[in-house]
Amino acid sequence: MKTVGSFWPYAAPLFDDIPRARSYQAPGSLSVEDCYALFAYILSLNGIVRPDGRLDQTSLPEVKMPNRDGLIPVPEFSNVRAPK
């Protein structure tokens, strides 16, 4: 099952989608603080950060996604060969 915790190996690319595409009715309308708060909420729903946790530009890179070490690169897009 693809979830935030199982699919994304790193937090930063997922966070990048929030300020550009949200809110749905008015893309780009959320403040920076709202984007961090929304992302912290999403990560807390997935058990990645504490429910009372806060994210900011310093703490975001320190988030360790559960699947960080489980991602297998797609051979067409990488010089790394996938295991057989």
C-alpha atoms as a PDB file:
ATOM      1  CA  MET A   1       0.000   0.000   0.000  1.00  0.00           C
ATOM      2  CA  LYS A   2       1.396   3.397  -0.944  1.00  0.00           C
ATOM      3  CA  THR A   3       1.298   5.859   1.935  1.00  0.00           C
ATOM      4  CA  VAL A   4       3.377   8.872   2.842  1.00  0.00           C
ATOM      5  CA  GLY A   5       5.469   6.641   5.093  1.00  0.00           C
ATOM      6  CA  SER A   6       5.913   3.715   2.732  1.00  0.00           C
ATOM      7  CA  PHE A   7       6.308   5.441  -0.616  1.00  0.00           C
ATOM      8  CA  TRP A   8       8.410   8.563  -0.117  1.00  0.00           C
ATOM      9  CA  PRO A   9      12.064   7.943   0.817  1.00  0.00           C
ATOM     10  CA  TYR A  10      12.742  11.596   1.714  1.00  0.00           C
ATOM     11  CA  ALA A  11      10.563  14.306   3.243  1.00  0.00           C
ATOM     12  CA  ALA A  12      11.769  17.334   1.260  1.00  0.00           C
ATOM     13  CA  PRO A  13      10.364  16.391  -2.185  1.00  0.00           C
ATOM     14  CA  LEU A  14       6.987  15.609  -0.681  1.00  0.00           C
ATOM     15  CA  PHE A  15       7.016  18.902   1.221  1.00  0.00           C
ATOM     16  CA  ASP A  16       7.840  20.728  -2.035  1.00  0.00           C
ATOM     17  CA  ASP A  17       4.436  19.775  -3.446  1.00  0.00           C
ATOM     18  CA  ILE A  18       2.478  21.501  -0.681  1.00  0.00           C
ATOM     19  CA  PRO A  19       3.301  25.190  -1.341  1.00  0.00           C
ATOM     20  CA  ARG A  20       2.977  24.797  -5.110  1.00  0.00           C
ATOM     21  CA  ALA A  21      -0.223  22.773  -5.332  1.00  0.00           C
ATOM     22  CA  ARG A  22      -2.231  23.472  -2.188  1.00  0.00           C
ATOM     23  CA  SER A  23      -4.854  24.440  -1.447  1.00  0.00           C
ATOM     24  CA  TYR A  24      -6.725  22.635  -4.183  1.00  0.00           C
ATOM     25  CA  GLN A  25      -9.009  25.574  -4.978  1.00  0.00           C
ATOM     26  CA  ALA A  26      -6.227  28.177  -4.871  1.00  0.00           C
ATOM     27  CA  PRO A  27      -2.760  26.682  -5.548  1.00  0.00           C
ATOM     28  CA  GLY A  28       0.073  28.604  -3.910  1.00  0.00           C
ATOM     29  CA  SER A  29      -2.176  30.373  -1.420  1.00  0.00           C
ATOM     30  CA  LEU A  30      -0.906  28.779   1.796  1.00  0.00           C
ATOM     31  CA  SER A  31       1.622  30.661   3.905  1.00  0.00           C
ATOM     32  CA  VAL A  32       4.998  29.078   4.631  1.00  0.00           C
ATOM     33  CA  GLU A  33       3.908  28.452   8.221  1.00  0.00           C
ATOM     34  CA  ASP A  34       0.695  26.780   7.038  1.00  0.00           C
ATOM     35  CA  CYS A  35       2.688  24.539   4.680  1.00  0.00           C
ATOM     36  CA  TYR A  36       4.960  23.360   7.491  1.00  0.00           C
ATOM     37  CA  ALA A  37       1.968  22.840   9.802  1.00  0.00           C
ATOM     38  CA  LEU A  38       0.075  20.846   7.171  1.00  0.00           C
ATOM     39  CA  PHE A  39       3.100  18.690   6.428  1.00  0.00           C
ATOM     40  CA  ALA A  40       3.718  18.079  10.150  1.00  0.00           C
ATOM     41  CA  TYR A  41       0.071  16.991  10.453  1.00  0.00           C
ATOM     42  CA  ILE A  42       0.382  14.579   7.496  1.00  0.00           C
ATOM     43  CA  LEU A  43       3.581  13.100   8.918  1.00  0.00           C
ATOM     44  CA  SER A  44       1.988  12.744  12.361  1.00  0.00           C
ATOM     45  CA  LEU A  45      -0.949  10.826  10.843  1.00  0.00           C
ATOM     46  CA  ASN A  46       1.652   8.394   9.484  1.00  0.00           C
ATOM     47  CA  GLY A  47       3.477   8.119  12.824  1.00  0.00           C
ATOM     48  CA  ILE A  48       6.613   9.794  11.458  1.00  0.00           C
ATOM     49  CA  VAL A  49       6.587  12.828  13.762  1.00  0.00           C
ATOM     50  CA  ARG A  50       4.886  13.311  17.127  1.00  0.00           C
ATOM     51  CA  PRO A  51       1.369  14.769  16.996  1.00  0.00           C
ATOM     52  CA  ASP A  52       2.635  17.856  18.797  1.00  0.00           C
ATOM     53  CA  GLY A  53       5.779  18.032  16.638  1.00  0.00           C
ATOM     54  CA  ARG A  54       6.729  21.107  14.673  1.00  0.00           C
ATOM     55  CA  LEU A  55       8.511  21.367  11.359  1.00  0.00           C
ATOM     56  CA  ASP A  56      10.522  24.242   9.973  1.00  0.00           C
ATOM     57  CA  GLN A  57      13.384  24.718   7.538  1.00  0.00           C
ATOM     58  CA  THR A  58      15.850  23.336  10.095  1.00  0.00           C
ATOM     59  CA  SER A  59      13.917  20.286  11.264  1.00  0.00           C
ATOM     60  CA  LEU A  60      12.527  19.183   7.870  1.00  0.00           C
ATOM     61  CA  PRO A  61      15.850  17.777   6.552  1.00  0.00           C
ATOM     62  CA  GLU A  62      16.245  15.812   9.797  1.00  0.00           C
ATOM     63  CA  VAL A  63      13.009  13.845   9.254  1.00  0.00           C
ATOM     64  CA  LYS A  64      13.869  10.223   8.549  1.00  0.00           C
ATOM     65  CA  MET A  65      11.198   8.660   6.400  1.00  0.00           C
ATOM     66  CA  PRO A  66      10.489   4.984   7.198  1.00  0.00           C
ATOM     67  CA  ASN A  67      11.277   3.799   3.653  1.00  0.00           C
ATOM     68  CA  ARG A  68      14.487   5.786   3.192  1.00  0.00           C
ATOM     69  CA  ASP A  69      16.609   2.638   3.074  1.00  0.00           C
ATOM     70  CA  GLY A  70      14.000   0.538   1.266  1.00  0.00           C
ATOM     71  CA  LEU A  71      13.754   2.475  -1.987  1.00  0.00           C
ATOM     72  CA  ILE A  72      14.946   0.508  -5.001  1.00  0.00           C
ATOM     73  CA  PRO A  73      15.975   2.795  -7.868  1.00  0.00           C
ATOM     74  CA  VAL A  74      14.341   2.243 -11.246  1.00  0.00           C
ATOM     75  CA  PRO A  75      17.142   1.111 -13.589  1.00  0.00           C
ATOM     76  CA  GLU A  76      15.970   3.263 -16.510  1.00  0.00           C
ATOM     77  CA  PHE A  77      16.541   6.372 -14.427  1.00  0.00           C
ATOM     78  CA  SER A  78      19.706   5.422 -12.607  1.00  0.00           C
ATOM     79  CA  ASN A  79      23.151   3.985 -13.116  1.00  0.00           C
ATOM     80  CA  VAL A  80      22.459   1.675 -10.170  1.00  0.00           C
ATOM     81  CA  ARG A  81      21.324  -1.816 -11.155  1.00  0.00           C
ATOM     82  CA  ALA A  82      18.243  -3.131  -9.395  1.00  0.00           C
ATOM     83  CA  PRO A  83      18.616  -6.495  -7.636  1.00  0.00           C
ATOM     84  CA  LYS A  84      17.258  -9.548  -9.488  1.00  0.00           C
END
